[in-house]
Amino acid sequence: MMDGHQVPVISCLGDLIEQLRLVFQSDFVNVDYVRALLAAYKSNPKDWKQYAIFDPHRYAWQLQ
């Protein structure tokens, strides 16, 4: 628990994004809580697959 905030289970990137959006809605951001949220997320390649673009002919990247 961090300043009254219990770190929720973060089972996927979508959960992490949802929790970070909630945190950043406020003018006050508890940096330790953000760190705890990030630490609770265990990266999974399946979460990132939608952001990966492969083009064998050129370098490519995409911002969302």
N, C-alpha and C. Protein backbone atom coordinates (compact mmCIF):
# COMPACT_ATOMS: atom_id res chain seq x y z
N MET A 1 0.85 -1.18 0.00
CA MET A 1 0.00 0.00 0.00
C MET A 1 0.89 1.24 0.00
N MET A 2 0.54 2.24 -0.80
CA MET A 2 1.32 3.46 -0.91
C MET A 2 0.41 4.66 -0.68
N ASP A 3 0.57 5.33 0.45
CA ASP A 3 -0.23 6.51 0.76
C ASP A 3 -1.72 6.25 0.56
N GLY A 4 -2.22 5.13 1.02
CA GLY A 4 -3.63 4.82 0.89
C GLY A 4 -4.00 4.17 -0.42
N HIS A 5 -3.04 3.97 -1.30
CA HIS A 5 -3.32 3.33 -2.59
C HIS A 5 -2.71 1.94 -2.59
N GLN A 6 -3.55 0.95 -2.72
CA GLN A 6 -3.05 -0.41 -2.89
C GLN A 6 -2.80 -0.62 -4.36
N VAL A 7 -1.65 -1.15 -4.70
CA VAL A 7 -1.31 -1.38 -6.10
C VAL A 7 -2.15 -2.53 -6.63
N PRO A 8 -2.94 -2.27 -7.68
CA PRO A 8 -3.78 -3.33 -8.24
C PRO A 8 -2.95 -4.35 -9.02
N VAL A 9 -3.56 -5.47 -9.29
CA VAL A 9 -2.92 -6.47 -10.15
C VAL A 9 -2.91 -5.92 -11.57
N ILE A 10 -1.75 -5.91 -12.18
CA ILE A 10 -1.59 -5.45 -13.56
C ILE A 10 -1.30 -6.68 -14.40
N SER A 11 -2.30 -7.18 -15.11
CA SER A 11 -2.13 -8.44 -15.84
C SER A 11 -1.78 -8.25 -17.31
N CYS A 12 -1.91 -7.01 -17.80
CA CYS A 12 -1.58 -6.77 -19.20
C CYS A 12 -1.30 -5.28 -19.40
N LEU A 13 -0.79 -4.93 -20.56
CA LEU A 13 -0.47 -3.54 -20.86
C LEU A 13 -1.71 -2.66 -20.78
N GLY A 14 -2.84 -3.17 -21.19
CA GLY A 14 -4.09 -2.40 -21.11
C GLY A 14 -4.43 -2.02 -19.68
N ASP A 15 -4.21 -2.94 -18.74
CA ASP A 15 -4.45 -2.64 -17.32
C ASP A 15 -3.52 -1.53 -16.85
N LEU A 16 -2.26 -1.61 -17.25
CA LEU A 16 -1.29 -0.59 -16.86
C LEU A 16 -1.69 0.77 -17.40
N ILE A 17 -2.06 0.83 -18.66
CA ILE A 17 -2.47 2.09 -19.27
C ILE A 17 -3.69 2.66 -18.56
N GLU A 18 -4.65 1.81 -18.26
CA GLU A 18 -5.86 2.26 -17.57
C GLU A 18 -5.52 2.87 -16.20
N GLN A 19 -4.67 2.20 -15.45
CA GLN A 19 -4.29 2.70 -14.13
C GLN A 19 -3.48 4.00 -14.23
N LEU A 20 -2.58 4.09 -15.20
CA LEU A 20 -1.80 5.32 -15.36
C LEU A 20 -2.70 6.49 -15.76
N ARG A 21 -3.67 6.24 -16.59
CA ARG A 21 -4.62 7.31 -16.95
C ARG A 21 -5.37 7.82 -15.73
N LEU A 22 -5.75 6.92 -14.85
CA LEU A 22 -6.42 7.34 -13.61
C LEU A 22 -5.50 8.20 -12.75
N VAL A 23 -4.26 7.77 -12.61
CA VAL A 23 -3.29 8.50 -11.79
C VAL A 23 -3.07 9.91 -12.34
N PHE A 24 -2.92 10.02 -13.65
CA PHE A 24 -2.57 11.30 -14.24
C PHE A 24 -3.78 12.21 -14.48
N GLN A 25 -4.95 11.82 -14.04
CA GLN A 25 -6.11 12.71 -14.08
C GLN A 25 -6.01 13.80 -13.02
N SER A 26 -5.23 13.54 -12.01
CA SER A 26 -5.10 14.46 -10.88
C SER A 26 -3.93 15.42 -11.11
N ASP A 27 -4.01 16.58 -10.47
CA ASP A 27 -2.89 17.53 -10.52
C ASP A 27 -1.72 17.06 -9.67
N PHE A 28 -2.01 16.23 -8.67
CA PHE A 28 -0.97 15.67 -7.82
C PHE A 28 -0.71 14.24 -8.25
N VAL A 29 0.54 13.92 -8.54
CA VAL A 29 0.90 12.56 -8.95
C VAL A 29 1.89 12.00 -7.93
N ASN A 30 1.54 10.87 -7.37
CA ASN A 30 2.42 10.18 -6.43
C ASN A 30 3.40 9.34 -7.26
N VAL A 31 4.62 9.84 -7.35
CA VAL A 31 5.63 9.19 -8.19
C VAL A 31 5.94 7.78 -7.71
N ASP A 32 5.96 7.58 -6.41
CA ASP A 32 6.22 6.23 -5.88
C ASP A 32 5.12 5.25 -6.29
N TYR A 33 3.89 5.73 -6.33
CA TYR A 33 2.78 4.87 -6.76
C TYR A 33 2.91 4.54 -8.25
N VAL A 34 3.30 5.51 -9.05
CA VAL A 34 3.52 5.26 -10.48
C VAL A 34 4.61 4.22 -10.66
N ARG A 35 5.69 4.37 -9.91
CA ARG A 35 6.78 3.37 -9.97
C ARG A 35 6.27 1.98 -9.59
N ALA A 36 5.43 1.92 -8.57
CA ALA A 36 4.89 0.63 -8.14
C ALA A 36 4.00 0.02 -9.22
N LEU A 37 3.21 0.86 -9.88
CA LEU A 37 2.38 0.35 -10.99
C LEU A 37 3.25 -0.21 -12.10
N LEU A 38 4.29 0.53 -12.46
CA LEU A 38 5.19 0.08 -13.53
C LEU A 38 5.89 -1.22 -13.13
N ALA A 39 6.28 -1.33 -11.88
CA ALA A 39 6.95 -2.54 -11.40
C ALA A 39 5.99 -3.73 -11.37
N ALA A 40 4.71 -3.47 -11.19
CA ALA A 40 3.71 -4.55 -11.12
C ALA A 40 3.43 -5.15 -12.49
N TYR A 41 3.78 -4.42 -13.55
CA TYR A 41 3.53 -4.93 -14.90
C TYR A 41 4.70 -5.80 -15.36
N LYS A 42 4.41 -7.02 -15.70
CA LYS A 42 5.42 -7.92 -16.27
C LYS A 42 5.22 -7.94 -17.78
N SER A 43 6.18 -7.40 -18.48
CA SER A 43 6.06 -7.24 -19.93
C SER A 43 5.82 -8.58 -20.63
N ASN A 44 4.93 -8.53 -21.60
CA ASN A 44 4.57 -9.71 -22.38
C ASN A 44 4.62 -9.30 -23.85
N PRO A 45 5.40 -10.01 -24.66
CA PRO A 45 5.49 -9.67 -26.08
C PRO A 45 4.14 -9.57 -26.79
N LYS A 46 3.15 -10.33 -26.34
CA LYS A 46 1.81 -10.27 -26.95
C LYS A 46 1.20 -8.88 -26.78
N ASP A 47 1.50 -8.22 -25.65
CA ASP A 47 0.98 -6.87 -25.41
C ASP A 47 1.53 -5.86 -26.41
N TRP A 48 2.72 -6.09 -26.87
CA TRP A 48 3.41 -5.11 -27.72
C TRP A 48 3.27 -5.41 -29.21
N LYS A 49 2.77 -6.58 -29.54
CA LYS A 49 2.70 -7.01 -30.94
C LYS A 49 1.93 -6.03 -31.82
N GLN A 50 0.86 -5.44 -31.30
CA GLN A 50 0.06 -4.51 -32.10
C GLN A 50 0.84 -3.25 -32.48
N TYR A 51 1.92 -2.97 -31.75
CA TYR A 51 2.71 -1.77 -32.03
C TYR A 51 3.91 -2.05 -32.91
N ALA A 52 4.19 -3.31 -33.17
CA ALA A 52 5.35 -3.69 -33.98
C ALA A 52 4.97 -3.69 -35.46
N ILE A 53 5.79 -3.03 -36.23
CA ILE A 53 5.59 -2.98 -37.68
C ILE A 53 6.87 -3.50 -38.33
N PHE A 54 6.73 -4.46 -39.18
CA PHE A 54 7.90 -5.00 -39.86
C PHE A 54 7.79 -4.71 -41.35
N ASP A 55 8.81 -4.08 -41.88
CA ASP A 55 8.91 -3.82 -43.31
C ASP A 55 10.31 -4.22 -43.73
N PRO A 56 10.47 -5.29 -44.50
CA PRO A 56 11.80 -5.77 -44.84
C PRO A 56 12.58 -4.81 -45.76
N HIS A 57 11.92 -3.80 -46.30
CA HIS A 57 12.57 -2.90 -47.26
C HIS A 57 13.00 -1.57 -46.67
N ARG A 58 12.52 -1.26 -45.48
CA ARG A 58 12.90 0.03 -44.89
C ARG A 58 12.67 0.02 -43.39
N TYR A 59 13.31 0.98 -42.75
CA TYR A 59 13.11 1.17 -41.32
C TYR A 59 11.75 1.83 -41.12
N ALA A 60 10.97 1.33 -40.20
CA ALA A 60 9.65 1.90 -39.97
C ALA A 60 9.36 1.91 -38.47
N TRP A 61 8.68 2.95 -38.03
CA TRP A 61 8.19 3.01 -36.66
C TRP A 61 6.91 3.81 -36.65
N GLN A 62 6.16 3.64 -35.57
CA GLN A 62 4.83 4.24 -35.51
C GLN A 62 4.59 4.79 -34.12
N LEU A 63 4.06 5.98 -34.05
CA LEU A 63 3.65 6.54 -32.77
C LEU A 63 2.14 6.39 -32.65
N GLN A 64 1.67 6.04 -31.47
CA GLN A 64 0.23 5.89 -31.25
C GLN A 64 -0.27 7.06 -30.49
